[in-house]
Amino acid sequence: MTDVTSTATVPAPVGKPSAAGIWHWLLRHPPVFTLIMIVLVCVVVGTINPDFWQVANLFDILRASTVRGLFALGVLVVLASGGIDVSFTAIAAFVMYSVTMLVTNWIPDMPMPVILVLAATGGACFGALNGLLVHSLRAPSLIVTIGTQYVIRSFLLTFVGTALFMNIPVSMETFGKLALFTHHSANGMISVLPASVLVLLVAAVITWWILQRTLIGRAVYAVGGSPGIAERLGYNLRVVHVFVFAYAGLLAGIAGIMHVSSNRLANPFDLAGTELEIIAAVVLGGARITGGSGSVIGTMLGVVLITLVSNVLILVGIPSTWQLVIVGIFIVLAGTVFSLRPRR
């Protein structure tokens, strides 16, 4: 009589997840890793200085994240398509300065919604030009947008000037003072959450919808994953390139107006030099610099992390010169971790 050995697979006992399993799960969900870094920063800063937990600091972080967030959403769309844009701050500066001067000198009673539409249209035109140049020249988008950035800033310097423009339109000043929520603390401090945060929220929802629920969103990720394969599948590379850069320019134009409304003055070179921290926020949110990935929630978390490092580390006695070092460490850490995750 011959013994028969069973080949049935015995299910593994269900127990606590292994460290390797948790690690692989984190690699597949980059926003969770970014959220963990945010929590660690908050815990460390809050432990050293309990004043960090005040509502005023939360409102300050949200206020400082508005313009950064609008920029980052545009950069996310461009990065997801496999490109990179460094001209968005130049576009924002030109649009905010030009629109502020135009409205103040010619149409001082223009309502805020019309100003936003005008700024978005102007920014989208600049962005579409970037997209056309990238597609037509077949040149790296980084090189093209560096060039357009210099052209825009040179034009602004030559024909507009560098003087501060403090007489902003009434509608913009009123919007900048508009409070979404006001908090009165026990010590008499009044904290205001500006209504401009709603603009960022709306932009984030629209960007998520475009990327996750529309054909152009699928095309963006497809082109970012592999332009050659995307083209063979029928995606129009020219349409994708023009769309992503135009959308980034549109958000840059709106961000410029938000910046003027919040600060109540227009400085044509106020936003210069923030390009790398915005790109860093998107990368910290889990987007690959090579394209094909990225999410709105991850980008927003990356913006919060960058804002935390920029705004609250002073509470624990870390000078501003060292804040860039910490941001650099986060970027290297996130880049190393995210590079290990499998590409979809």
C-alpha atoms as a PDB file:
ATOM      1  CA  MET A   1       0.000   0.000   0.000  1.00  0.00           C
ATOM      2  CA  THR A   2       1.460   3.308  -1.110  1.00  0.00           C
ATOM      3  CA  ASP A   3       1.306   6.387   1.100  1.00  0.00           C
ATOM      4  CA  VAL A   4      -0.060   9.495  -0.604  1.00  0.00           C
ATOM      5  CA  THR A   5       1.405  12.793   0.518  1.00  0.00           C
ATOM      6  CA  SER A   6      -1.057  15.673   0.463  1.00  0.00           C
ATOM      7  CA  THR A   7       0.011  18.731  -1.535  1.00  0.00           C
ATOM      8  CA  ALA A   8      -2.657  21.009  -0.124  1.00  0.00           C
ATOM      9  CA  THR A   9      -1.368  24.389   1.022  1.00  0.00           C
ATOM     10  CA  VAL A  10      -1.894  25.047   4.677  1.00  0.00           C
ATOM     11  CA  PRO A  11      -2.894  28.678   5.226  1.00  0.00           C
ATOM     12  CA  ALA A  12      -0.444  30.687   7.261  1.00  0.00           C
ATOM     13  CA  PRO A  13      -1.642  31.616  10.691  1.00  0.00           C
ATOM     14  CA  VAL A  14      -3.086  35.080  10.938  1.00  0.00           C
ATOM     15  CA  GLY A  15      -1.097  37.202  13.346  1.00  0.00           C
ATOM     16  CA  LYS A  16       0.540  40.554  13.674  1.00  0.00           C
ATOM     17  CA  PRO A  17       1.816  42.043  10.414  1.00  0.00           C
ATOM     18  CA  SER A  18       5.543  41.684   9.930  1.00  0.00           C
ATOM     19  CA  ALA A  19       7.929  44.602   9.722  1.00  0.00           C
ATOM     20  CA  ALA A  20       8.615  43.730   6.083  1.00  0.00           C
ATOM     21  CA  GLY A  21       4.886  43.781   5.323  1.00  0.00           C
ATOM     22  CA  ILE A  22       4.458  47.189   6.909  1.00  0.00           C
ATOM     23  CA  TRP A  23       7.489  48.482   4.996  1.00  0.00           C
ATOM     24  CA  HIS A  24       6.117  47.269   1.648  1.00  0.00           C
ATOM     25  CA  TRP A  25       2.740  48.794   2.456  1.00  0.00           C
ATOM     26  CA  LEU A  26       4.379  52.155   3.194  1.00  0.00           C
ATOM     27  CA  LEU A  27       6.268  51.968  -0.091  1.00  0.00           C
ATOM     28  CA  ARG A  28       2.966  51.528  -1.912  1.00  0.00           C
ATOM     29  CA  HIS A  29       1.367  54.443  -0.028  1.00  0.00           C
ATOM     30  CA  PRO A  30       3.858  57.351  -0.065  1.00  0.00           C
ATOM     31  CA  PRO A  31       1.411  59.902   1.449  1.00  0.00           C
ATOM     32  CA  VAL A  32       1.347  57.816   4.650  1.00  0.00           C
ATOM     33  CA  PHE A  33       5.130  58.141   4.923  1.00  0.00           C
ATOM     34  CA  THR A  34       4.815  61.919   4.470  1.00  0.00           C
ATOM     35  CA  LEU A  35       2.075  62.034   7.102  1.00  0.00           C
ATOM     36  CA  ILE A  36       4.342  60.171   9.539  1.00  0.00           C
ATOM     37  CA  MET A  37       7.071  62.790   9.027  1.00  0.00           C
ATOM     38  CA  ILE A  38       4.520  65.569   9.667  1.00  0.00           C
ATOM     39  CA  VAL A  39       3.409  63.908  12.900  1.00  0.00           C
ATOM     40  CA  LEU A  40       7.025  63.480  14.024  1.00  0.00           C
ATOM     41  CA  VAL A  41       7.807  67.145  13.369  1.00  0.00           C
ATOM     42  CA  CYS A  42       4.684  68.239  15.251  1.00  0.00           C
ATOM     43  CA  VAL A  43       5.408  65.978  18.211  1.00  0.00           C
ATOM     44  CA  VAL A  44       9.042  67.092  18.478  1.00  0.00           C
ATOM     45  CA  VAL A  45       8.250  70.805  18.141  1.00  0.00           C
ATOM     46  CA  GLY A  46       5.207  70.571  20.422  1.00  0.00           C
ATOM     47  CA  THR A  47       7.174  68.721  23.084  1.00  0.00           C
ATOM     48  CA  ILE A  48       9.972  71.287  23.115  1.00  0.00           C
ATOM     49  CA  ASN A  49       7.639  74.284  22.916  1.00  0.00           C
ATOM     50  CA  PRO A  50       3.997  73.683  23.970  1.00  0.00           C
ATOM     51  CA  ASP A  51       3.004  77.024  22.396  1.00  0.00           C
ATOM     52  CA  PHE A  52       3.097  75.190  19.079  1.00  0.00           C
ATOM     53  CA  TRP A  53      -0.332  73.664  19.805  1.00  0.00           C
ATOM     54  CA  GLN A  54      -2.086  77.032  19.726  1.00  0.00           C
ATOM     55  CA  VAL A  55      -4.846  77.541  17.159  1.00  0.00           C
ATOM     56  CA  ALA A  56      -2.998  80.587  15.842  1.00  0.00           C
ATOM     57  CA  ASN A  57      -0.145  78.368  14.620  1.00  0.00           C
ATOM     58  CA  LEU A  58      -2.566  76.069  12.812  1.00  0.00           C
ATOM     59  CA  PHE A  59      -4.153  79.042  11.054  1.00  0.00           C
ATOM     60  CA  ASP A  60      -0.714  80.414  10.153  1.00  0.00           C
ATOM     61  CA  ILE A  61       0.267  77.077   8.603  1.00  0.00           C
ATOM     62  CA  LEU A  62      -2.930  76.937   6.563  1.00  0.00           C
ATOM     63  CA  ARG A  63      -2.486  80.546   5.448  1.00  0.00           C
ATOM     64  CA  ALA A  64       1.126  79.980   4.419  1.00  0.00           C
ATOM     65  CA  SER A  65       0.156  76.782   2.592  1.00  0.00           C
ATOM     66  CA  THR A  66      -2.345  78.459   0.263  1.00  0.00           C
ATOM     67  CA  VAL A  67       0.015  79.914  -2.336  1.00  0.00           C
ATOM     68  CA  ARG A  68       2.458  77.012  -1.978  1.00  0.00           C
ATOM     69  CA  GLY A  69      -0.406  74.570  -2.418  1.00  0.00           C
ATOM     70  CA  LEU A  70      -1.681  76.201  -5.611  1.00  0.00           C
ATOM     71  CA  PHE A  71       1.823  76.146  -7.075  1.00  0.00           C
ATOM     72  CA  ALA A  72       2.329  72.535  -5.977  1.00  0.00           C
ATOM     73  CA  LEU A  73      -0.896  71.315  -7.609  1.00  0.00           C
ATOM     74  CA  GLY A  74       0.288  72.707 -10.925  1.00  0.00           C
ATOM     75  CA  VAL A  75       3.724  71.169 -10.492  1.00  0.00           C
ATOM     76  CA  LEU A  76       2.078  67.831  -9.632  1.00  0.00           C
ATOM     77  CA  VAL A  77       0.242  67.713 -12.957  1.00  0.00           C
ATOM     78  CA  VAL A  78       3.407  68.570 -14.877  1.00  0.00           C
ATOM     79  CA  LEU A  79       5.516  66.036 -12.973  1.00  0.00           C
ATOM     80  CA  ALA A  80       2.891  63.325 -13.469  1.00  0.00           C
ATOM     81  CA  SER A  81       3.228  63.832 -17.226  1.00  0.00           C
ATOM     82  CA  GLY A  82       6.995  63.354 -17.058  1.00  0.00           C
ATOM     83  CA  GLY A  83       7.892  67.047 -17.304  1.00  0.00           C
ATOM     84  CA  ILE A  84       9.149  69.674 -14.917  1.00  0.00           C
ATOM     85  CA  ASP A  85       8.281  73.367 -14.687  1.00  0.00           C
ATOM     86  CA  VAL A  86      10.313  76.070 -12.945  1.00  0.00           C
ATOM     87  CA  SER A  87       8.655  79.077 -14.576  1.00  0.00           C
ATOM     88  CA  PHE A  88       5.477  79.117 -12.473  1.00  0.00           C
ATOM     89  CA  THR A  89       6.729  81.751 -10.016  1.00  0.00           C
ATOM     90  CA  ALA A  90       7.708  84.043 -12.893  1.00  0.00           C
ATOM     91  CA  ILE A  91       4.253  83.567 -14.422  1.00  0.00           C
ATOM     92  CA  ALA A  92       2.617  84.318 -11.067  1.00  0.00           C
ATOM     93  CA  ALA A  93       4.736  87.446 -10.572  1.00  0.00           C
ATOM     94  CA  PHE A  94       3.984  88.807 -14.035  1.00  0.00           C
ATOM     95  CA  VAL A  95       0.259  88.061 -13.804  1.00  0.00           C
ATOM     96  CA  MET A  96      -0.219  89.424 -10.289  1.00  0.00           C
ATOM     97  CA  TYR A  97       1.704  92.626 -10.995  1.00  0.00           C
ATOM     98  CA  SER A  98       0.129  93.256 -14.402  1.00  0.00           C
ATOM     99  CA  VAL A  99      -3.433  92.476 -13.316  1.00  0.00           C
ATOM    100  CA  THR A 100      -3.090  94.585 -10.156  1.00  0.00           C
ATOM    101  CA  MET A 101      -1.835  97.579 -12.142  1.00  0.00           C
ATOM    102  CA  LEU A 102      -4.452  97.097 -14.863  1.00  0.00           C
ATOM    103  CA  VAL A 103      -7.383  96.869 -12.471  1.00  0.00           C
ATOM    104  CA  THR A 104      -6.195  99.668 -10.195  1.00  0.00           C
ATOM    105  CA  ASN A 105      -5.540 102.140 -13.010  1.00  0.00           C
ATOM    106  CA  TRP A 106      -8.374 101.285 -15.381  1.00  0.00           C
ATOM    107  CA  ILE A 107     -11.148  99.253 -13.730  1.00  0.00           C
ATOM    108  CA  PRO A 108     -10.893  99.827  -9.961  1.00  0.00           C
ATOM    109  CA  ASP A 109     -14.370  98.400  -9.299  1.00  0.00           C
ATOM    110  CA  MET A 110     -13.727  95.033 -10.958  1.00  0.00           C
ATOM    111  CA  PRO A 111     -15.125  92.252  -8.746  1.00  0.00           C
ATOM    112  CA  MET A 112     -12.844  89.573  -7.338  1.00  0.00           C
ATOM    113  CA  PRO A 113     -14.268  86.653  -9.395  1.00  0.00           C
ATOM    114  CA  VAL A 114     -13.521  88.523 -12.624  1.00  0.00           C
ATOM    115  CA  ILE A 115      -9.995  89.305 -11.407  1.00  0.00           C
ATOM    116  CA  LEU A 116      -9.419  85.619 -10.713  1.00  0.00           C
ATOM    117  CA  VAL A 117     -10.693  84.650 -14.161  1.00  0.00           C
ATOM    118  CA  LEU A 118      -8.443  87.284 -15.760  1.00  0.00           C
ATOM    119  CA  ALA A 119      -5.410  86.053 -13.809  1.00  0.00           C
ATOM    120  CA  ALA A 120      -6.175  82.401 -14.558  1.00  0.00           C
ATOM    121  CA  THR A 121      -6.515  83.160 -18.271  1.00  0.00           C
ATOM    122  CA  GLY A 122      -3.251  85.075 -18.386  1.00  0.00           C
ATOM    123  CA  GLY A 123      -1.402  82.350 -16.506  1.00  0.00           C
ATOM    124  CA  ALA A 124      -2.889  79.635 -18.719  1.00  0.00           C
ATOM    125  CA  CYS A 125      -1.705  81.464 -21.859  1.00  0.00           C
ATOM    126  CA  PHE A 126       1.873  81.598 -20.564  1.00  0.00           C
ATOM    127  CA  GLY A 127       1.676  77.948 -19.571  1.00  0.00           C
ATOM    128  CA  ALA A 128       0.264  76.882 -22.933  1.00  0.00           C
ATOM    129  CA  LEU A 129       3.210  78.611 -24.593  1.00  0.00           C
ATOM    130  CA  ASN A 130       5.524  76.496 -22.425  1.00  0.00           C
ATOM    131  CA  GLY A 131       3.706  73.369 -23.522  1.00  0.00           C
ATOM    132  CA  LEU A 132       3.902  74.271 -27.200  1.00  0.00           C
ATOM    133  CA  LEU A 133       7.625  74.973 -26.934  1.00  0.00           C
ATOM    134  CA  VAL A 134       8.299  71.706 -25.088  1.00  0.00           C
ATOM    135  CA  HIS A 135       6.406  69.700 -27.692  1.00  0.00           C
ATOM    136  CA  SER A 136       7.665  71.549 -30.768  1.00  0.00           C
ATOM    137  CA  LEU A 137      11.325  71.741 -29.774  1.00  0.00           C
ATOM    138  CA  ARG A 138      11.414  68.211 -28.319  1.00  0.00           C
ATOM    139  CA  ALA A 139      13.655  69.731 -25.655  1.00  0.00           C
ATOM    140  CA  PRO A 140      13.696  68.870 -21.944  1.00  0.00           C
ATOM    141  CA  SER A 141      10.950  70.820 -20.203  1.00  0.00           C
ATOM    142  CA  LEU A 142      13.388  71.920 -17.497  1.00  0.00           C
ATOM    143  CA  ILE A 143      15.534  73.740 -20.080  1.00  0.00           C
ATOM    144  CA  VAL A 144      12.525  75.280 -21.801  1.00  0.00           C
ATOM    145  CA  THR A 145      10.948  76.584 -18.604  1.00  0.00           C
ATOM    146  CA  ILE A 146      14.253  77.964 -17.332  1.00  0.00           C
ATOM    147  CA  GLY A 147      14.411  79.934 -20.560  1.00  0.00           C
ATOM    148  CA  THR A 148      10.839  81.208 -20.339  1.00  0.00           C
ATOM    149  CA  GLN A 149      11.377  82.088 -16.696  1.00  0.00           C
ATOM    150  CA  TYR A 150      14.298  84.336 -17.610  1.00  0.00           C
ATOM    151  CA  VAL A 151      12.365  85.896 -20.490  1.00  0.00           C
ATOM    152  CA  ILE A 152       9.341  86.681 -18.318  1.00  0.00           C
ATOM    153  CA  ARG A 153      11.405  88.106 -15.474  1.00  0.00           C
ATOM    154  CA  SER A 154      13.520  90.172 -17.869  1.00  0.00           C
ATOM    155  CA  PHE A 155      10.391  91.540 -19.542  1.00  0.00           C
ATOM    156  CA  LEU A 156       8.922  92.359 -16.139  1.00  0.00           C
ATOM    157  CA  LEU A 157      12.119  94.105 -15.076  1.00  0.00           C
ATOM    158  CA  THR A 158      12.459  96.069 -18.316  1.00  0.00           C
ATOM    159  CA  PHE A 159       8.899  97.189 -19.020  1.00  0.00           C
ATOM    160  CA  VAL A 160       7.136  97.049 -15.660  1.00  0.00           C
ATOM    161  CA  GLY A 161       9.813  97.799 -13.102  1.00  0.00           C
ATOM    162  CA  THR A 162      10.646  96.623  -9.618  1.00  0.00           C
ATOM    163  CA  ALA A 163       8.715  99.109  -7.498  1.00  0.00           C
ATOM    164  CA  LEU A 164       6.244  97.825  -4.928  1.00  0.00           C
ATOM    165  CA  PHE A 165       2.616  98.377  -5.913  1.00  0.00           C
ATOM    166  CA  MET A 166       0.736  99.041  -2.687  1.00  0.00           C
ATOM    167  CA  ASN A 167      -2.514 100.517  -4.024  1.00  0.00           C
ATOM    168  CA  ILE A 168      -4.274  97.252  -4.753  1.00  0.00           C
ATOM    169  CA  PRO A 169      -7.930  97.140  -5.888  1.00  0.00           C
ATOM    170  CA  VAL A 170     -10.614  97.327  -3.207  1.00  0.00           C
ATOM    171  CA  SER A 171     -12.060  93.926  -4.090  1.00  0.00           C
ATOM    172  CA  MET A 172      -8.661  92.255  -3.663  1.00  0.00           C
ATOM    173  CA  GLU A 173      -8.023  94.012  -0.355  1.00  0.00           C
ATOM    174  CA  THR A 174     -11.500  93.065   0.881  1.00  0.00           C
ATOM    175  CA  PHE A 175     -10.983  89.437  -0.100  1.00  0.00           C
ATOM    176  CA  GLY A 176      -7.632  89.401   1.684  1.00  0.00           C
ATOM    177  CA  LYS A 177      -9.340  90.529   4.895  1.00  0.00           C
ATOM    178  CA  LEU A 178     -12.248  88.106   4.535  1.00  0.00           C
ATOM    179  CA  ALA A 179     -12.234  85.624   7.422  1.00  0.00           C
ATOM    180  CA  LEU A 180     -13.494  82.086   7.085  1.00  0.00           C
ATOM    181  CA  PHE A 181     -13.219  81.523  10.835  1.00  0.00           C
ATOM    182  CA  THR A 182     -12.153  83.656  13.796  1.00  0.00           C
ATOM    183  CA  HIS A 183     -10.880  82.183  17.056  1.00  0.00           C
ATOM    184  CA  HIS A 184     -10.601  84.074  20.351  1.00  0.00           C
ATOM    185  CA  SER A 185      -8.117  82.454  22.727  1.00  0.00           C
ATOM    186  CA  ALA A 186      -8.207  82.646  26.517  1.00  0.00           C
ATOM    187  CA  ASN A 187      -5.324  85.150  26.586  1.00  0.00           C
ATOM    188  CA  GLY A 188      -7.182  87.527  24.280  1.00  0.00           C
ATOM    189  CA  MET A 189      -5.360  86.611  21.083  1.00  0.00           C
ATOM    190  CA  ILE A 190      -7.499  86.689  17.942  1.00  0.00           C
ATOM    191  CA  SER A 191      -6.644  84.188  15.198  1.00  0.00           C
ATOM    192  CA  VAL A 192      -8.144  84.446  11.726  1.00  0.00           C
ATOM    193  CA  LEU A 193      -8.424  81.714   9.106  1.00  0.00           C
ATOM    194  CA  PRO A 194      -8.537  83.529   5.742  1.00  0.00           C
ATOM    195  CA  ALA A 195     -11.095  82.681   3.075  1.00  0.00           C
ATOM    196  CA  SER A 196      -8.269  82.137   0.604  1.00  0.00           C
ATOM    197  CA  VAL A 197      -7.946  78.620   2.056  1.00  0.00           C
ATOM    198  CA  LEU A 198     -11.202  77.802   0.249  1.00  0.00           C
ATOM    199  CA  VAL A 199      -9.543  78.633  -3.073  1.00  0.00           C
ATOM    200  CA  LEU A 200      -6.875  76.020  -2.376  1.00  0.00           C
ATOM    201  CA  LEU A 201      -9.527  73.485  -1.343  1.00  0.00           C
ATOM    202  CA  VAL A 202     -11.495  74.022  -4.552  1.00  0.00           C
ATOM    203  CA  ALA A 203      -8.318  73.790  -6.658  1.00  0.00           C
ATOM    204  CA  ALA A 204      -7.337  70.544  -4.911  1.00  0.00           C
ATOM    205  CA  VAL A 205     -10.744  68.962  -5.549  1.00  0.00           C
ATOM    206  CA  ILE A 206     -10.726  69.997  -9.211  1.00  0.00           C
ATOM    207  CA  THR A 207      -7.178  68.720  -9.693  1.00  0.00           C
ATOM    208  CA  TRP A 208      -8.082  65.380  -8.078  1.00  0.00           C
ATOM    209  CA  TRP A 209     -11.131  65.092 -10.334  1.00  0.00           C
ATOM    210  CA  ILE A 210      -9.102  65.844 -13.452  1.00  0.00           C
ATOM    211  CA  LEU A 211      -6.384  63.322 -12.637  1.00  0.00           C
ATOM    212  CA  GLN A 212      -8.637  60.529 -11.363  1.00  0.00           C
ATOM    213  CA  ARG A 213     -11.929  60.881 -13.227  1.00  0.00           C
ATOM    214  CA  THR A 214     -11.187  62.226 -16.714  1.00  0.00           C
ATOM    215  CA  LEU A 215      -9.584  60.924 -19.886  1.00  0.00           C
ATOM    216  CA  ILE A 216      -7.027  63.726 -19.904  1.00  0.00           C
ATOM    217  CA  GLY A 217      -5.989  62.662 -16.401  1.00  0.00           C
ATOM    218  CA  ARG A 218      -5.378  59.113 -17.593  1.00  0.00           C
ATOM    219  CA  ALA A 219      -3.442  60.521 -20.522  1.00  0.00           C
ATOM    220  CA  VAL A 220      -1.243  62.562 -18.159  1.00  0.00           C
ATOM    221  CA  TYR A 221      -0.207  59.485 -16.177  1.00  0.00           C
ATOM    222  CA  ALA A 222       0.183  57.404 -19.338  1.00  0.00           C
ATOM    223  CA  VAL A 223       2.486  59.943 -20.982  1.00  0.00           C
ATOM    224  CA  GLY A 224       4.460  60.280 -17.758  1.00  0.00           C
ATOM    225  CA  GLY A 225       4.877  56.509 -17.541  1.00  0.00           C
ATOM    226  CA  SER A 226       6.059  56.039 -21.127  1.00  0.00           C
ATOM    227  CA  PRO A 227       5.510  58.641 -23.870  1.00  0.00           C
ATOM    228  CA  GLY A 228       6.238  56.148 -26.644  1.00  0.00           C
ATOM    229  CA  ILE A 229       3.736  53.580 -25.427  1.00  0.00           C
ATOM    230  CA  ALA A 230       1.152  56.302 -24.700  1.00  0.00           C
ATOM    231  CA  GLU A 231       1.483  57.606 -28.254  1.00  0.00           C
ATOM    232  CA  ARG A 232       1.053  54.116 -29.698  1.00  0.00           C
ATOM    233  CA  LEU A 233      -2.071  53.718 -27.598  1.00  0.00           C
ATOM    234  CA  GLY A 234      -3.521  56.797 -29.256  1.00  0.00           C
ATOM    235  CA  TYR A 235      -2.812  59.557 -26.758  1.00  0.00           C
ATOM    236  CA  ASN A 236      -2.016  62.944 -28.305  1.00  0.00           C
ATOM    237  CA  LEU A 237       1.271  64.094 -26.773  1.00  0.00           C
ATOM    238  CA  ARG A 238       0.810  67.656 -27.996  1.00  0.00           C
ATOM    239  CA  VAL A 239      -2.556  67.980 -26.246  1.00  0.00           C
ATOM    240  CA  VAL A 240      -1.149  66.538 -23.020  1.00  0.00           C
ATOM    241  CA  HIS A 241       1.909  68.796 -23.031  1.00  0.00           C
ATOM    242  CA  VAL A 242      -0.138  71.934 -23.688  1.00  0.00           C
ATOM    243  CA  PHE A 243      -2.750  70.972 -21.096  1.00  0.00           C
ATOM    244  CA  VAL A 244      -0.383  70.240 -18.189  1.00  0.00           C
ATOM    245  CA  PHE A 245       1.665  73.404 -18.618  1.00  0.00           C
ATOM    246  CA  ALA A 246      -1.445  75.527 -19.220  1.00  0.00           C
ATOM    247  CA  TYR A 247      -3.023  74.123 -16.068  1.00  0.00           C
ATOM    248  CA  ALA A 248       0.136  74.858 -14.075  1.00  0.00           C
ATOM    249  CA  GLY A 249       0.129  78.401 -15.456  1.00  0.00           C
ATOM    250  CA  LEU A 250      -3.560  78.823 -14.635  1.00  0.00           C
ATOM    251  CA  LEU A 251      -2.967  77.887 -10.992  1.00  0.00           C
ATOM    252  CA  ALA A 252       0.135  80.096 -10.900  1.00  0.00           C
ATOM    253  CA  GLY A 253      -1.939  83.083 -12.011  1.00  0.00           C
ATOM    254  CA  ILE A 254      -4.500  82.444  -9.284  1.00  0.00           C
ATOM    255  CA  ALA A 255      -1.715  81.943  -6.729  1.00  0.00           C
ATOM    256  CA  GLY A 256      -0.280  85.334  -7.661  1.00  0.00           C
ATOM    257  CA  ILE A 257      -3.584  87.060  -6.953  1.00  0.00           C
ATOM    258  CA  MET A 258      -3.917  85.193  -3.647  1.00  0.00           C
ATOM    259  CA  HIS A 259      -0.429  86.387  -2.717  1.00  0.00           C
ATOM    260  CA  VAL A 260      -1.266  90.014  -3.466  1.00  0.00           C
ATOM    261  CA  SER A 261      -4.589  89.835  -1.623  1.00  0.00           C
ATOM    262  CA  SER A 262      -2.993  88.318   1.483  1.00  0.00           C
ATOM    263  CA  ASN A 263      -0.026  90.716   1.623  1.00  0.00           C
ATOM    264  CA  ARG A 264      -1.938  93.751   0.268  1.00  0.00           C
ATOM    265  CA  LEU A 265       0.909  94.716  -2.039  1.00  0.00           C
ATOM    266  CA  ALA A 266       2.346  93.548  -5.348  1.00  0.00           C
ATOM    267  CA  ASN A 267       6.075  92.934  -5.515  1.00  0.00           C
ATOM    268  CA  PRO A 268       7.155  91.640  -8.962  1.00  0.00           C
ATOM    269  CA  PHE A 269      10.024  89.598  -7.487  1.00  0.00           C
ATOM    270  CA  ASP A 270       8.473  88.525  -4.204  1.00  0.00           C
ATOM    271  CA  LEU A 271       8.005  84.869  -5.207  1.00  0.00           C
ATOM    272  CA  ALA A 272      11.383  84.375  -6.843  1.00  0.00           C
ATOM    273  CA  GLY A 273      13.471  81.546  -5.457  1.00  0.00           C
ATOM    274  CA  THR A 274      10.638  79.373  -4.141  1.00  0.00           C
ATOM    275  CA  GLU A 275      10.591  77.002  -7.119  1.00  0.00           C
ATOM    276  CA  LEU A 276      12.722  74.272  -5.554  1.00  0.00           C
ATOM    277  CA  GLU A 277      10.768  74.118  -2.301  1.00  0.00           C
ATOM    278  CA  ILE A 278       7.517  73.709  -4.254  1.00  0.00           C
ATOM    279  CA  ILE A 279       8.976  70.887  -6.352  1.00  0.00           C
ATOM    280  CA  ALA A 280      10.356  69.388  -3.129  1.00  0.00           C
ATOM    281  CA  ALA A 281       6.866  69.434  -1.587  1.00  0.00           C
ATOM    282  CA  VAL A 282       5.449  67.477  -4.538  1.00  0.00           C
ATOM    283  CA  VAL A 283       8.304  64.951  -4.403  1.00  0.00           C
ATOM    284  CA  LEU A 284       7.873  64.599  -0.634  1.00  0.00           C
ATOM    285  CA  GLY A 285       4.225  63.811  -1.364  1.00  0.00           C
ATOM    286  CA  GLY A 286       5.265  60.743  -3.338  1.00  0.00           C
ATOM    287  CA  ALA A 287       5.452  61.974  -6.954  1.00  0.00           C
ATOM    288  CA  ARG A 288       8.271  60.561  -9.049  1.00  0.00           C
ATOM    289  CA  ILE A 289      10.490  63.170 -10.680  1.00  0.00           C
ATOM    290  CA  THR A 290      10.474  60.904 -13.757  1.00  0.00           C
ATOM    291  CA  GLY A 291       6.701  61.027 -14.095  1.00  0.00           C
ATOM    292  CA  GLY A 292       3.790  58.617 -14.098  1.00  0.00           C
ATOM    293  CA  SER A 293       2.799  58.982 -10.450  1.00  0.00           C
ATOM    294  CA  GLY A 294       1.701  61.439  -7.798  1.00  0.00           C
ATOM    295  CA  SER A 295      -1.472  62.264  -5.914  1.00  0.00           C
ATOM    296  CA  VAL A 296      -3.284  65.357  -4.702  1.00  0.00           C
ATOM    297  CA  ILE A 297      -3.427  64.203  -1.082  1.00  0.00           C
ATOM    298  CA  GLY A 298       0.289  63.409  -1.098  1.00  0.00           C
ATOM    299  CA  THR A 299       1.078  66.801  -2.611  1.00  0.00           C
ATOM    300  CA  MET A 300      -0.977  68.619   0.022  1.00  0.00           C
ATOM    301  CA  LEU A 301       0.798  66.686   2.774  1.00  0.00           C
ATOM    302  CA  GLY A 302       4.145  67.601   1.207  1.00  0.00           C
ATOM    303  CA  VAL A 303       3.146  71.262   1.222  1.00  0.00           C
ATOM    304  CA  VAL A 304       2.191  71.045   4.898  1.00  0.00           C
ATOM    305  CA  LEU A 305       5.539  69.438   5.721  1.00  0.00           C
ATOM    306  CA  ILE A 306       7.506  72.135   3.894  1.00  0.00           C
ATOM    307  CA  THR A 307       5.409  74.844   5.560  1.00  0.00           C
ATOM    308  CA  LEU A 308       5.968  73.302   8.977  1.00  0.00           C
ATOM    309  CA  VAL A 309       9.722  73.294   8.472  1.00  0.00           C
ATOM    310  CA  SER A 310       9.675  76.866   7.154  1.00  0.00           C
ATOM    311  CA  ASN A 311       7.337  78.363   9.765  1.00  0.00           C
ATOM    312  CA  VAL A 312       7.496  76.583  13.101  1.00  0.00           C
ATOM    313  CA  LEU A 313      11.042  75.342  13.624  1.00  0.00           C
ATOM    314  CA  ILE A 314      11.903  78.825  14.840  1.00  0.00           C
ATOM    315  CA  LEU A 315       9.767  77.953  17.896  1.00  0.00           C
ATOM    316  CA  VAL A 316      12.388  75.416  18.998  1.00  0.00           C
ATOM    317  CA  GLY A 317      15.301  77.754  18.419  1.00  0.00           C
ATOM    318  CA  ILE A 318      16.420  76.432  15.024  1.00  0.00           C
ATOM    319  CA  PRO A 319      17.639  79.360  12.876  1.00  0.00           C
ATOM    320  CA  SER A 320      16.283  79.871   9.383  1.00  0.00           C
ATOM    321  CA  THR A 321      19.637  78.953   7.839  1.00  0.00           C
ATOM    322  CA  TRP A 322      19.278  75.402   9.193  1.00  0.00           C
ATOM    323  CA  GLN A 323      15.709  74.987   7.996  1.00  0.00           C
ATOM    324  CA  LEU A 324      16.936  74.386   4.457  1.00  0.00           C
ATOM    325  CA  VAL A 325      19.224  71.667   5.787  1.00  0.00           C
ATOM    326  CA  ILE A 326      16.262  69.898   7.361  1.00  0.00           C
ATOM    327  CA  VAL A 327      14.229  70.205   4.165  1.00  0.00           C
ATOM    328  CA  GLY A 328      17.165  68.736   2.249  1.00  0.00           C
ATOM    329  CA  ILE A 329      17.362  65.797   4.663  1.00  0.00           C
ATOM    330  CA  PHE A 330      13.642  65.130   4.230  1.00  0.00           C
ATOM    331  CA  ILE A 331      13.988  65.238   0.442  1.00  0.00           C
ATOM    332  CA  VAL A 332      16.906  62.802   0.417  1.00  0.00           C
ATOM    333  CA  LEU A 333      15.118  60.488   2.856  1.00  0.00           C
ATOM    334  CA  ALA A 334      11.847  60.539   0.932  1.00  0.00           C
ATOM    335  CA  GLY A 335      13.614  60.178  -2.415  1.00  0.00           C
ATOM    336  CA  THR A 336      15.521  57.152  -1.152  1.00  0.00           C
ATOM    337  CA  VAL A 337      12.434  55.486   0.279  1.00  0.00           C
ATOM    338  CA  PHE A 338      10.129  56.243  -2.640  1.00  0.00           C
ATOM    339  CA  SER A 339      12.690  55.010  -5.178  1.00  0.00           C
ATOM    340  CA  LEU A 340      12.380  51.533  -3.656  1.00  0.00           C
ATOM    341  CA  ARG A 341       8.678  51.193  -4.356  1.00  0.00           C
ATOM    342  CA  PRO A 342       7.616  49.236  -7.440  1.00  0.00           C
ATOM    343  CA  ARG A 343       6.629  51.226 -10.503  1.00  0.00           C
ATOM    344  CA  ARG A 344       3.088  50.637 -11.655  1.00  0.00           C
END
